[in-house]
N, C-alpha and C. Protein backbone atom coordinates (compact mmCIF):
# COMPACT_ATOMS: atom_id res chain seq x y z
N MET A 1 113.50 39.09 25.16
CA MET A 1 113.14 40.32 25.86
C MET A 1 113.66 40.28 27.29
N ARG A 2 114.17 41.40 27.76
CA ARG A 2 114.61 41.52 29.14
C ARG A 2 113.55 42.23 29.97
N LEU A 3 113.65 42.08 31.27
CA LEU A 3 112.67 42.68 32.18
C LEU A 3 112.58 44.19 31.98
N GLU A 4 113.71 44.83 31.79
CA GLU A 4 113.71 46.29 31.64
C GLU A 4 113.02 46.74 30.36
N GLN A 5 112.81 45.82 29.42
CA GLN A 5 112.16 46.16 28.16
C GLN A 5 110.65 45.92 28.19
N TYR A 6 110.19 45.16 29.19
CA TYR A 6 108.77 44.83 29.25
C TYR A 6 107.99 46.01 29.82
N CYS A 7 106.95 46.42 29.12
CA CYS A 7 106.17 47.59 29.53
C CYS A 7 104.68 47.28 29.72
N GLY A 8 104.34 46.01 29.71
CA GLY A 8 102.93 45.63 29.82
C GLY A 8 102.42 45.61 31.24
N GLU A 9 101.20 45.13 31.39
CA GLU A 9 100.53 45.10 32.69
C GLU A 9 100.46 43.70 33.30
N LEU A 10 101.02 42.72 32.62
CA LEU A 10 100.92 41.34 33.10
C LEU A 10 102.29 40.78 33.49
N LEU A 11 102.98 41.55 34.32
CA LEU A 11 104.27 41.14 34.86
C LEU A 11 104.03 40.38 36.17
N ALA A 12 104.46 39.16 36.22
CA ALA A 12 104.32 38.35 37.44
C ALA A 12 105.64 38.31 38.19
N GLY A 13 105.58 38.53 39.49
CA GLY A 13 106.74 38.36 40.35
C GLY A 13 106.63 37.04 41.06
N VAL A 14 107.75 36.34 41.22
CA VAL A 14 107.75 35.01 41.83
C VAL A 14 108.86 34.92 42.87
N ASP A 15 108.54 34.32 44.00
CA ASP A 15 109.55 34.06 45.03
C ASP A 15 109.13 32.82 45.81
N GLU A 16 110.07 32.21 46.49
CA GLU A 16 109.79 31.04 47.31
C GLU A 16 110.40 31.22 48.69
N VAL A 17 109.89 30.48 49.65
CA VAL A 17 110.43 30.49 51.02
C VAL A 17 110.52 29.05 51.53
N GLY A 18 111.44 28.85 52.44
CA GLY A 18 111.57 27.55 53.09
C GLY A 18 112.61 26.63 52.52
N ARG A 19 113.46 27.14 51.65
CA ARG A 19 114.47 26.25 51.06
C ARG A 19 115.42 25.68 52.11
N GLY A 20 115.78 26.50 53.08
CA GLY A 20 116.77 26.07 54.05
C GLY A 20 116.21 25.36 55.27
N CYS A 21 114.91 25.12 55.29
CA CYS A 21 114.28 24.50 56.46
C CYS A 21 114.52 23.00 56.48
N LEU A 22 114.37 22.43 57.67
CA LEU A 22 114.50 20.98 57.83
C LEU A 22 113.16 20.28 57.74
N ALA A 23 112.08 21.03 57.75
CA ALA A 23 110.75 20.42 57.74
C ALA A 23 109.76 21.30 56.98
N GLY A 24 108.71 20.65 56.48
CA GLY A 24 107.64 21.36 55.81
C GLY A 24 107.88 21.54 54.31
N ASP A 25 106.87 22.06 53.64
CA ASP A 25 106.93 22.31 52.21
C ASP A 25 107.84 23.49 51.90
N VAL A 26 108.32 23.55 50.67
CA VAL A 26 108.86 24.79 50.14
C VAL A 26 107.69 25.46 49.42
N VAL A 27 107.44 26.72 49.75
CA VAL A 27 106.24 27.42 49.27
C VAL A 27 106.64 28.56 48.33
N ALA A 28 105.97 28.63 47.20
CA ALA A 28 106.22 29.70 46.23
C ALA A 28 104.94 30.48 45.98
N ALA A 29 105.10 31.74 45.65
CA ALA A 29 103.96 32.58 45.30
C ALA A 29 104.27 33.34 44.01
N ALA A 30 103.22 33.62 43.26
CA ALA A 30 103.31 34.45 42.06
C ALA A 30 102.26 35.53 42.17
N VAL A 31 102.63 36.76 41.85
CA VAL A 31 101.71 37.89 41.99
C VAL A 31 101.80 38.81 40.77
N ILE A 32 100.65 39.17 40.23
CA ILE A 32 100.56 40.23 39.22
C ILE A 32 99.86 41.41 39.89
N LEU A 33 100.58 42.49 40.08
CA LEU A 33 100.02 43.66 40.75
C LEU A 33 99.15 44.48 39.80
N ASP A 34 98.33 45.33 40.37
CA ASP A 34 97.45 46.23 39.61
C ASP A 34 98.01 47.64 39.73
N SER A 35 98.48 48.19 38.62
CA SER A 35 99.12 49.51 38.66
C SER A 35 98.15 50.60 39.10
N SER A 36 96.84 50.35 38.97
CA SER A 36 95.86 51.36 39.39
C SER A 36 95.56 51.28 40.88
N ARG A 37 96.09 50.27 41.55
CA ARG A 37 95.86 50.10 42.99
C ARG A 37 97.21 49.86 43.68
N PRO A 38 98.04 50.89 43.76
CA PRO A 38 99.39 50.73 44.32
C PRO A 38 99.37 50.31 45.79
N ILE A 39 100.42 49.62 46.18
CA ILE A 39 100.58 49.15 47.56
C ILE A 39 101.87 49.73 48.11
N ALA A 40 101.77 50.55 49.14
CA ALA A 40 102.95 51.19 49.71
C ALA A 40 103.65 50.22 50.68
N GLY A 41 104.97 50.31 50.70
CA GLY A 41 105.74 49.58 51.68
C GLY A 41 106.17 48.18 51.30
N LEU A 42 106.00 47.80 50.05
CA LEU A 42 106.43 46.47 49.62
C LEU A 42 107.95 46.36 49.73
N ALA A 43 108.42 45.24 50.28
CA ALA A 43 109.84 45.03 50.49
C ALA A 43 110.10 43.55 50.65
N ASP A 44 111.36 43.19 50.72
CA ASP A 44 111.76 41.81 51.00
C ASP A 44 111.08 41.38 52.30
N SER A 45 110.35 40.28 52.26
CA SER A 45 109.57 39.85 53.44
C SER A 45 110.45 39.63 54.66
N LYS A 46 111.70 39.24 54.45
CA LYS A 46 112.60 38.98 55.58
C LYS A 46 112.95 40.26 56.34
N LYS A 47 112.76 41.39 55.71
CA LYS A 47 113.11 42.67 56.34
C LYS A 47 111.89 43.37 56.96
N LEU A 48 110.76 42.68 56.95
CA LEU A 48 109.54 43.24 57.52
C LEU A 48 109.18 42.52 58.81
N SER A 49 108.55 43.21 59.73
CA SER A 49 108.10 42.58 60.96
C SER A 49 106.93 41.65 60.63
N PRO A 50 106.69 40.64 61.46
CA PRO A 50 105.55 39.74 61.22
C PRO A 50 104.23 40.49 61.10
N LEU A 51 104.02 41.51 61.93
CA LEU A 51 102.78 42.27 61.87
C LEU A 51 102.67 43.02 60.55
N ARG A 52 103.76 43.63 60.11
CA ARG A 52 103.74 44.36 58.84
C ARG A 52 103.51 43.41 57.67
N ARG A 53 104.12 42.23 57.73
CA ARG A 53 103.90 41.25 56.67
C ARG A 53 102.43 40.85 56.59
N GLU A 54 101.82 40.62 57.75
CA GLU A 54 100.41 40.22 57.77
C GLU A 54 99.52 41.29 57.15
N LYS A 55 99.79 42.56 57.50
CA LYS A 55 98.98 43.65 56.95
C LYS A 55 99.16 43.77 55.44
N LEU A 56 100.40 43.64 54.98
CA LEU A 56 100.66 43.72 53.55
C LEU A 56 100.07 42.52 52.81
N TYR A 57 100.11 41.37 53.45
CA TYR A 57 99.51 40.17 52.86
C TYR A 57 98.04 40.43 52.52
N GLU A 58 97.30 40.96 53.49
CA GLU A 58 95.87 41.22 53.26
C GLU A 58 95.67 42.25 52.15
N GLU A 59 96.53 43.26 52.12
CA GLU A 59 96.40 44.29 51.08
C GLU A 59 96.72 43.71 49.71
N ILE A 60 97.73 42.86 49.64
CA ILE A 60 98.12 42.26 48.36
C ILE A 60 97.00 41.39 47.80
N ILE A 61 96.44 40.51 48.63
CA ILE A 61 95.43 39.59 48.10
C ILE A 61 94.14 40.34 47.73
N ASN A 62 93.94 41.51 48.30
CA ASN A 62 92.76 42.30 47.97
C ASN A 62 92.97 43.22 46.77
N LYS A 63 94.22 43.60 46.51
CA LYS A 63 94.48 44.57 45.45
C LYS A 63 95.14 43.99 44.20
N ALA A 64 95.81 42.88 44.32
CA ALA A 64 96.53 42.31 43.17
C ALA A 64 95.56 41.89 42.08
N ARG A 65 95.98 41.98 40.84
CA ARG A 65 95.14 41.52 39.74
C ARG A 65 95.00 40.01 39.78
N SER A 66 96.08 39.34 40.17
CA SER A 66 96.05 37.89 40.27
C SER A 66 97.16 37.45 41.21
N TRP A 67 96.91 36.40 42.00
CA TRP A 67 97.95 35.84 42.85
C TRP A 67 97.73 34.35 43.03
N SER A 68 98.81 33.66 43.28
CA SER A 68 98.74 32.21 43.39
C SER A 68 99.83 31.71 44.33
N VAL A 69 99.50 30.70 45.11
CA VAL A 69 100.46 30.06 46.00
C VAL A 69 100.53 28.58 45.63
N ALA A 70 101.74 28.05 45.58
CA ALA A 70 101.92 26.62 45.29
C ALA A 70 103.08 26.12 46.13
N ARG A 71 103.33 24.82 46.05
CA ARG A 71 104.35 24.24 46.93
C ARG A 71 104.92 22.97 46.33
N ALA A 72 106.00 22.55 46.94
CA ALA A 72 106.52 21.20 46.73
C ALA A 72 106.67 20.61 48.13
N SER A 73 106.22 19.39 48.30
CA SER A 73 106.16 18.77 49.62
C SER A 73 107.53 18.29 50.09
N ALA A 74 107.60 17.95 51.37
CA ALA A 74 108.84 17.39 51.92
C ALA A 74 109.22 16.12 51.18
N ALA A 75 108.24 15.31 50.83
CA ALA A 75 108.51 14.07 50.09
C ALA A 75 109.08 14.38 48.71
N GLU A 76 108.54 15.41 48.04
CA GLU A 76 109.07 15.79 46.72
C GLU A 76 110.48 16.35 46.84
N ILE A 77 110.73 17.10 47.90
CA ILE A 77 112.07 17.63 48.14
C ILE A 77 113.06 16.49 48.28
N ASP A 78 112.69 15.47 49.05
CA ASP A 78 113.57 14.32 49.23
C ASP A 78 113.78 13.55 47.93
N ASP A 79 112.76 13.57 47.08
CA ASP A 79 112.81 12.80 45.83
C ASP A 79 113.64 13.48 44.75
N ILE A 80 113.49 14.80 44.61
CA ILE A 80 114.14 15.48 43.47
C ILE A 80 115.17 16.52 43.87
N ASN A 81 115.38 16.75 45.13
CA ASN A 81 116.30 17.71 45.77
C ASN A 81 115.67 19.09 45.91
N ILE A 82 116.20 19.88 46.82
CA ILE A 82 115.55 21.14 47.19
C ILE A 82 115.56 22.17 46.06
N LEU A 83 116.62 22.21 45.26
CA LEU A 83 116.65 23.17 44.16
C LEU A 83 115.53 22.87 43.16
N GLN A 84 115.45 21.62 42.73
CA GLN A 84 114.43 21.26 41.75
C GLN A 84 113.03 21.40 42.32
N ALA A 85 112.87 21.11 43.61
CA ALA A 85 111.57 21.27 44.25
C ALA A 85 111.16 22.73 44.32
N SER A 86 112.12 23.62 44.59
CA SER A 86 111.84 25.06 44.62
C SER A 86 111.41 25.55 43.24
N LEU A 87 112.10 25.11 42.20
CA LEU A 87 111.74 25.49 40.84
C LEU A 87 110.37 24.94 40.46
N LEU A 88 110.07 23.73 40.93
CA LEU A 88 108.77 23.12 40.66
C LEU A 88 107.65 23.92 41.33
N ALA A 89 107.87 24.33 42.57
CA ALA A 89 106.87 25.14 43.28
C ALA A 89 106.63 26.46 42.55
N MET A 90 107.69 27.09 42.07
CA MET A 90 107.55 28.33 41.31
C MET A 90 106.75 28.11 40.03
N LYS A 91 107.06 27.03 39.36
CA LYS A 91 106.35 26.70 38.11
C LYS A 91 104.86 26.51 38.38
N ARG A 92 104.54 25.82 39.45
CA ARG A 92 103.14 25.60 39.83
C ARG A 92 102.45 26.91 40.19
N ALA A 93 103.18 27.80 40.86
CA ALA A 93 102.59 29.08 41.28
C ALA A 93 102.22 29.93 40.07
N VAL A 94 103.11 30.01 39.09
CA VAL A 94 102.82 30.82 37.90
C VAL A 94 101.68 30.20 37.11
N ALA A 95 101.65 28.90 37.00
CA ALA A 95 100.55 28.23 36.30
C ALA A 95 99.23 28.50 37.01
N GLY A 96 99.27 28.62 38.32
CA GLY A 96 98.07 28.87 39.10
C GLY A 96 97.43 30.22 38.84
N LEU A 97 98.20 31.18 38.35
CA LEU A 97 97.64 32.50 38.04
C LEU A 97 96.55 32.40 36.98
N ALA A 98 96.73 31.47 36.07
CA ALA A 98 95.78 31.32 34.96
C ALA A 98 94.63 30.39 35.30
N GLY A 99 94.60 29.92 36.53
CA GLY A 99 93.53 29.03 36.95
C GLY A 99 94.04 27.63 37.20
N GLY A 100 93.29 26.88 37.96
CA GLY A 100 93.69 25.51 38.24
C GLY A 100 94.43 25.35 39.55
N GLY A 101 94.80 26.48 40.16
CA GLY A 101 95.48 26.41 41.44
C GLY A 101 94.48 26.33 42.58
N ILE A 102 94.91 25.78 43.70
CA ILE A 102 94.04 25.66 44.87
C ILE A 102 94.00 26.97 45.64
N ASN A 103 95.16 27.56 45.86
CA ASN A 103 95.25 28.78 46.66
C ASN A 103 95.54 29.96 45.74
N THR A 104 94.49 30.51 45.15
CA THR A 104 94.65 31.60 44.18
C THR A 104 93.60 32.67 44.43
N GLY A 105 93.82 33.84 43.83
CA GLY A 105 92.86 34.92 43.98
C GLY A 105 92.98 35.92 42.85
N GLY A 106 91.99 36.81 42.76
CA GLY A 106 91.98 37.79 41.69
C GLY A 106 91.49 37.16 40.39
N SER A 107 91.77 37.80 39.29
CA SER A 107 91.36 37.31 37.98
C SER A 107 92.28 36.20 37.51
N LYS A 108 91.78 35.34 36.64
CA LYS A 108 92.62 34.33 36.01
C LYS A 108 93.38 35.00 34.88
N LEU A 109 94.68 35.08 35.02
CA LEU A 109 95.50 35.78 34.04
C LEU A 109 96.75 34.95 33.72
N THR A 110 97.14 34.97 32.48
CA THR A 110 98.39 34.34 32.08
C THR A 110 99.48 35.41 32.02
N ALA A 111 100.55 35.20 32.74
CA ALA A 111 101.63 36.18 32.78
C ALA A 111 102.26 36.34 31.39
N GLU A 112 102.57 37.59 31.05
CA GLU A 112 103.30 37.85 29.80
C GLU A 112 104.80 37.82 30.02
N PHE A 113 105.21 38.20 31.22
CA PHE A 113 106.63 38.17 31.59
C PHE A 113 106.71 37.81 33.07
N VAL A 114 107.72 37.03 33.43
CA VAL A 114 107.86 36.59 34.82
C VAL A 114 109.22 37.01 35.36
N ALA A 115 109.21 37.69 36.49
CA ALA A 115 110.44 38.09 37.18
C ALA A 115 110.59 37.19 38.41
N VAL A 116 111.69 36.45 38.47
CA VAL A 116 111.91 35.46 39.52
C VAL A 116 113.05 35.90 40.42
N ASP A 117 112.83 35.83 41.72
CA ASP A 117 113.91 36.14 42.65
C ASP A 117 114.96 35.05 42.61
N GLY A 118 116.23 35.44 42.52
CA GLY A 118 117.31 34.46 42.54
C GLY A 118 118.10 34.44 41.25
N ASN A 119 118.75 33.30 41.00
CA ASN A 119 119.62 33.21 39.82
C ASN A 119 119.28 32.03 38.92
N ARG A 120 118.12 31.39 39.17
CA ARG A 120 117.72 30.25 38.35
C ARG A 120 116.26 30.39 37.94
N LEU A 121 115.95 29.94 36.72
CA LEU A 121 114.58 29.95 36.23
C LEU A 121 114.08 28.52 36.09
N PRO A 122 112.80 28.30 36.35
CA PRO A 122 112.23 26.98 36.05
C PRO A 122 112.26 26.71 34.55
N ASP A 123 112.05 25.47 34.19
CA ASP A 123 111.96 25.09 32.78
C ASP A 123 110.53 25.34 32.32
N TRP A 124 110.33 26.48 31.64
CA TRP A 124 108.99 26.83 31.19
C TRP A 124 109.07 27.66 29.92
N SER A 125 107.91 28.01 29.36
CA SER A 125 107.88 28.72 28.08
C SER A 125 107.69 30.22 28.25
N TYR A 126 107.56 30.70 29.49
CA TYR A 126 107.34 32.12 29.72
C TYR A 126 108.59 32.95 29.41
N ALA A 127 108.36 34.16 28.89
CA ALA A 127 109.45 35.13 28.86
C ALA A 127 109.75 35.47 30.30
N ALA A 128 111.01 35.39 30.72
CA ALA A 128 111.31 35.52 32.14
C ALA A 128 112.75 35.95 32.36
N GLU A 129 112.99 36.44 33.57
CA GLU A 129 114.35 36.81 33.97
C GLU A 129 114.51 36.55 35.47
N ALA A 130 115.63 35.97 35.82
CA ALA A 130 115.96 35.77 37.24
C ALA A 130 116.71 37.01 37.72
N VAL A 131 116.33 37.51 38.88
CA VAL A 131 116.91 38.74 39.42
C VAL A 131 117.44 38.47 40.82
N ILE A 132 118.73 38.50 41.00
CA ILE A 132 119.31 38.31 42.32
C ILE A 132 118.93 39.50 43.20
N GLY A 133 118.38 39.23 44.36
CA GLY A 133 117.91 40.30 45.24
C GLY A 133 116.65 40.98 44.75
N GLY A 134 115.93 40.31 43.87
CA GLY A 134 114.72 40.90 43.29
C GLY A 134 113.63 41.18 44.31
N ASP A 135 113.62 40.42 45.41
CA ASP A 135 112.58 40.62 46.42
C ASP A 135 112.71 41.96 47.12
N GLY A 136 113.87 42.60 46.99
CA GLY A 136 114.04 43.91 47.58
C GLY A 136 114.04 45.04 46.55
N GLN A 137 113.89 44.68 45.27
CA GLN A 137 113.99 45.68 44.20
C GLN A 137 112.73 45.82 43.36
N ILE A 138 112.03 44.72 43.14
CA ILE A 138 110.92 44.71 42.19
C ILE A 138 109.62 44.45 42.94
N PRO A 139 108.69 45.39 42.92
CA PRO A 139 107.48 45.30 43.75
C PRO A 139 106.72 43.99 43.64
N CYS A 140 106.54 43.48 42.43
CA CYS A 140 105.76 42.25 42.29
C CYS A 140 106.47 41.05 42.91
N ILE A 141 107.82 41.06 42.89
CA ILE A 141 108.55 39.99 43.56
C ILE A 141 108.45 40.17 45.07
N SER A 142 108.54 41.41 45.54
CA SER A 142 108.37 41.67 46.97
C SER A 142 107.01 41.16 47.44
N ALA A 143 105.97 41.42 46.64
CA ALA A 143 104.63 40.96 47.00
C ALA A 143 104.58 39.44 47.06
N ALA A 144 105.21 38.79 46.10
CA ALA A 144 105.25 37.33 46.10
C ALA A 144 106.00 36.80 47.33
N SER A 145 107.07 37.48 47.68
CA SER A 145 107.84 37.11 48.87
C SER A 145 106.99 37.16 50.12
N ILE A 146 106.21 38.21 50.24
CA ILE A 146 105.34 38.39 51.42
C ILE A 146 104.24 37.33 51.45
N ILE A 147 103.61 37.08 50.31
CA ILE A 147 102.54 36.08 50.26
C ILE A 147 103.09 34.70 50.63
N ALA A 148 104.23 34.35 50.07
CA ALA A 148 104.81 33.03 50.34
C ALA A 148 105.22 32.90 51.81
N LYS A 149 105.84 33.94 52.35
CA LYS A 149 106.31 33.90 53.73
C LYS A 149 105.16 33.79 54.73
N VAL A 150 104.15 34.60 54.57
CA VAL A 150 103.01 34.57 55.49
C VAL A 150 102.29 33.22 55.39
N THR A 151 102.10 32.75 54.17
CA THR A 151 101.44 31.46 53.98
C THR A 151 102.20 30.34 54.68
N ARG A 152 103.49 30.28 54.47
CA ARG A 152 104.27 29.20 55.07
C ARG A 152 104.36 29.33 56.58
N ASP A 153 104.53 30.54 57.09
CA ASP A 153 104.58 30.73 58.53
C ASP A 153 103.29 30.26 59.20
N ARG A 154 102.17 30.56 58.58
CA ARG A 154 100.89 30.12 59.13
C ARG A 154 100.79 28.60 59.13
N GLU A 155 101.30 28.00 58.09
CA GLU A 155 101.25 26.54 57.99
C GLU A 155 102.13 25.87 59.05
N LEU A 156 103.24 26.50 59.37
CA LEU A 156 104.12 25.92 60.39
C LEU A 156 103.52 26.03 61.79
N VAL A 157 102.68 27.04 62.00
CA VAL A 157 101.95 27.13 63.27
C VAL A 157 100.99 25.95 63.40
N VAL A 158 100.33 25.62 62.30
CA VAL A 158 99.43 24.47 62.29
C VAL A 158 100.23 23.18 62.48
N LEU A 159 101.39 23.11 61.84
CA LEU A 159 102.25 21.93 61.97
C LEU A 159 102.70 21.75 63.41
N ASP A 160 102.89 22.84 64.11
CA ASP A 160 103.28 22.78 65.51
C ASP A 160 102.18 22.13 66.36
N GLU A 161 100.94 22.38 65.99
CA GLU A 161 99.82 21.77 66.71
C GLU A 161 99.72 20.27 66.39
N GLN A 162 100.05 19.92 65.17
CA GLN A 162 99.98 18.51 64.77
C GLN A 162 101.13 17.69 65.34
N TYR A 163 102.29 18.32 65.44
CA TYR A 163 103.49 17.63 65.92
C TYR A 163 104.14 18.48 67.02
N PRO A 164 103.55 18.48 68.21
CA PRO A 164 104.08 19.30 69.30
C PRO A 164 105.44 18.82 69.78
N GLY A 165 106.19 19.79 70.30
CA GLY A 165 107.48 19.46 70.87
C GLY A 165 108.67 19.89 70.04
N TYR A 166 108.44 20.11 68.76
CA TYR A 166 109.55 20.51 67.89
C TYR A 166 109.77 22.03 67.87
N GLY A 167 108.74 22.80 68.23
CA GLY A 167 108.85 24.25 68.21
C GLY A 167 108.64 24.87 66.85
N PHE A 168 107.88 24.19 65.97
CA PHE A 168 107.68 24.70 64.61
C PHE A 168 107.10 26.10 64.58
N ALA A 169 106.21 26.43 65.50
CA ALA A 169 105.59 27.75 65.51
C ALA A 169 106.62 28.85 65.74
N LYS A 170 107.68 28.50 66.43
CA LYS A 170 108.71 29.49 66.75
C LYS A 170 109.77 29.61 65.66
N HIS A 171 110.37 28.49 65.29
CA HIS A 171 111.50 28.55 64.34
C HIS A 171 111.10 28.31 62.90
N LYS A 172 109.83 27.95 62.67
CA LYS A 172 109.27 27.76 61.33
C LYS A 172 110.00 26.69 60.52
N GLY A 173 110.60 25.73 61.20
CA GLY A 173 111.22 24.61 60.51
C GLY A 173 112.70 24.77 60.25
N TYR A 174 113.26 25.93 60.55
CA TYR A 174 114.69 26.13 60.33
C TYR A 174 115.50 25.37 61.38
N GLY A 175 116.75 25.12 61.08
CA GLY A 175 117.59 24.28 61.92
C GLY A 175 118.20 25.01 63.10
N THR A 176 117.38 25.56 63.94
CA THR A 176 117.87 26.24 65.14
C THR A 176 118.36 25.21 66.15
N ALA A 177 119.07 25.68 67.17
CA ALA A 177 119.56 24.79 68.22
C ALA A 177 118.39 24.07 68.89
N GLU A 178 117.31 24.81 69.15
CA GLU A 178 116.12 24.24 69.76
C GLU A 178 115.55 23.11 68.90
N HIS A 179 115.47 23.35 67.60
CA HIS A 179 114.93 22.36 66.68
C HIS A 179 115.81 21.11 66.65
N LEU A 180 117.11 21.28 66.62
CA LEU A 180 118.02 20.14 66.55
C LEU A 180 117.96 19.29 67.82
N VAL A 181 117.81 19.95 68.97
CA VAL A 181 117.67 19.20 70.22
C VAL A 181 116.38 18.39 70.20
N ALA A 182 115.29 19.01 69.76
CA ALA A 182 114.00 18.31 69.70
C ALA A 182 114.05 17.16 68.70
N LEU A 183 114.72 17.39 67.60
CA LEU A 183 114.84 16.35 66.56
C LEU A 183 115.58 15.13 67.11
N THR A 184 116.64 15.39 67.86
CA THR A 184 117.41 14.30 68.47
C THR A 184 116.58 13.56 69.51
N LYS A 185 115.81 14.29 70.26
CA LYS A 185 115.01 13.72 71.35
C LYS A 185 113.78 12.97 70.84
N LEU A 186 113.07 13.57 69.86
CA LEU A 186 111.80 13.02 69.42
C LEU A 186 111.89 12.19 68.14
N GLY A 187 113.00 12.34 67.43
CA GLY A 187 113.09 11.71 66.12
C GLY A 187 112.39 12.56 65.08
N ALA A 188 112.40 12.10 63.84
CA ALA A 188 111.81 12.87 62.75
C ALA A 188 110.30 12.63 62.67
N CYS A 189 109.56 13.69 62.38
CA CYS A 189 108.13 13.56 62.14
C CYS A 189 107.91 13.40 60.63
N PRO A 190 106.70 13.09 60.19
CA PRO A 190 106.46 12.87 58.76
C PRO A 190 106.76 14.08 57.88
N GLN A 191 106.81 15.28 58.44
CA GLN A 191 107.06 16.48 57.65
C GLN A 191 108.53 16.88 57.61
N HIS A 192 109.39 16.11 58.23
CA HIS A 192 110.82 16.40 58.16
C HIS A 192 111.40 15.93 56.82
N ARG A 193 112.37 16.67 56.33
CA ARG A 193 113.02 16.37 55.06
C ARG A 193 114.18 15.41 55.32
N ARG A 194 113.98 14.17 54.98
CA ARG A 194 114.96 13.14 55.32
C ARG A 194 116.24 13.20 54.51
N SER A 195 116.23 13.95 53.42
CA SER A 195 117.44 14.11 52.62
C SER A 195 118.38 15.18 53.19
N PHE A 196 117.91 15.95 54.18
CA PHE A 196 118.74 16.98 54.79
C PHE A 196 119.57 16.34 55.90
N ALA A 197 120.85 16.68 55.94
CA ALA A 197 121.81 15.97 56.80
C ALA A 197 121.39 15.83 58.26
N PRO A 198 120.95 16.89 58.96
CA PRO A 198 120.59 16.71 60.37
C PRO A 198 119.46 15.72 60.59
N VAL A 199 118.51 15.70 59.65
CA VAL A 199 117.39 14.76 59.75
C VAL A 199 117.87 13.36 59.39
N ARG A 200 118.65 13.26 58.34
CA ARG A 200 119.15 11.96 57.90
C ARG A 200 119.94 11.27 59.00
N LYS A 201 120.75 12.03 59.72
CA LYS A 201 121.55 11.45 60.80
C LYS A 201 120.66 10.85 61.89
N VAL A 202 119.59 11.57 62.22
CA VAL A 202 118.69 11.08 63.24
C VAL A 202 117.96 9.83 62.76
N VAL A 203 117.48 9.86 61.52
CA VAL A 203 116.76 8.74 60.97
C VAL A 203 117.66 7.49 60.90
N GLN A 204 118.90 7.70 60.59
CA GLN A 204 119.84 6.59 60.47
C GLN A 204 120.47 6.20 61.82
N GLY A 205 120.09 6.95 62.87
CA GLY A 205 120.60 6.63 64.18
C GLY A 205 122.06 7.01 64.39
N LEU A 206 122.50 8.06 63.67
CA LEU A 206 123.90 8.46 63.75
C LEU A 206 124.12 9.70 64.57
N SER A 207 123.06 10.22 65.21
CA SER A 207 123.20 11.46 65.97
C SER A 207 124.03 11.24 67.22
């Protein structure tokens, strides 16, 4: 079955954020929306202002039939690589919809079909389709994008308090010039991904 053929009410949208970052978890979210409680303004989280994302985040967690957030840690990313870690986080997020997840809400529901942003699917038994640019086209993926982005951004603010000097609250772990300068000056913190080249160079003393 393809996404365009699915007509049920248990369509889960899945997206992840943080793949390109040098530090922190890669975070994925899965959302099953409620057709009787529409949410206006859903879009790719990257195209929304932080304030708009926050407002939509609250509306999504209050109106969605089910939602779940999961992650793969920096250590897991280093162990299995960022692609596999991203797929693992997505797999955990969808499993969380049915219960057993730490950061979940709404009813416990098992997705009948899963729409994933991107071009790769996790190894799972769900009927599913990967959709390139899905976060800007399919509402449930847009919702997942927003949930994942807000969750991770909030976590990086906390990380900034735990490891001051890197600017995590500002750049959210991405490899900005500011971050690279701090990395060279302070070295890597426990949440840095040592398999990523800029971090690896510092750890190996090659900067």
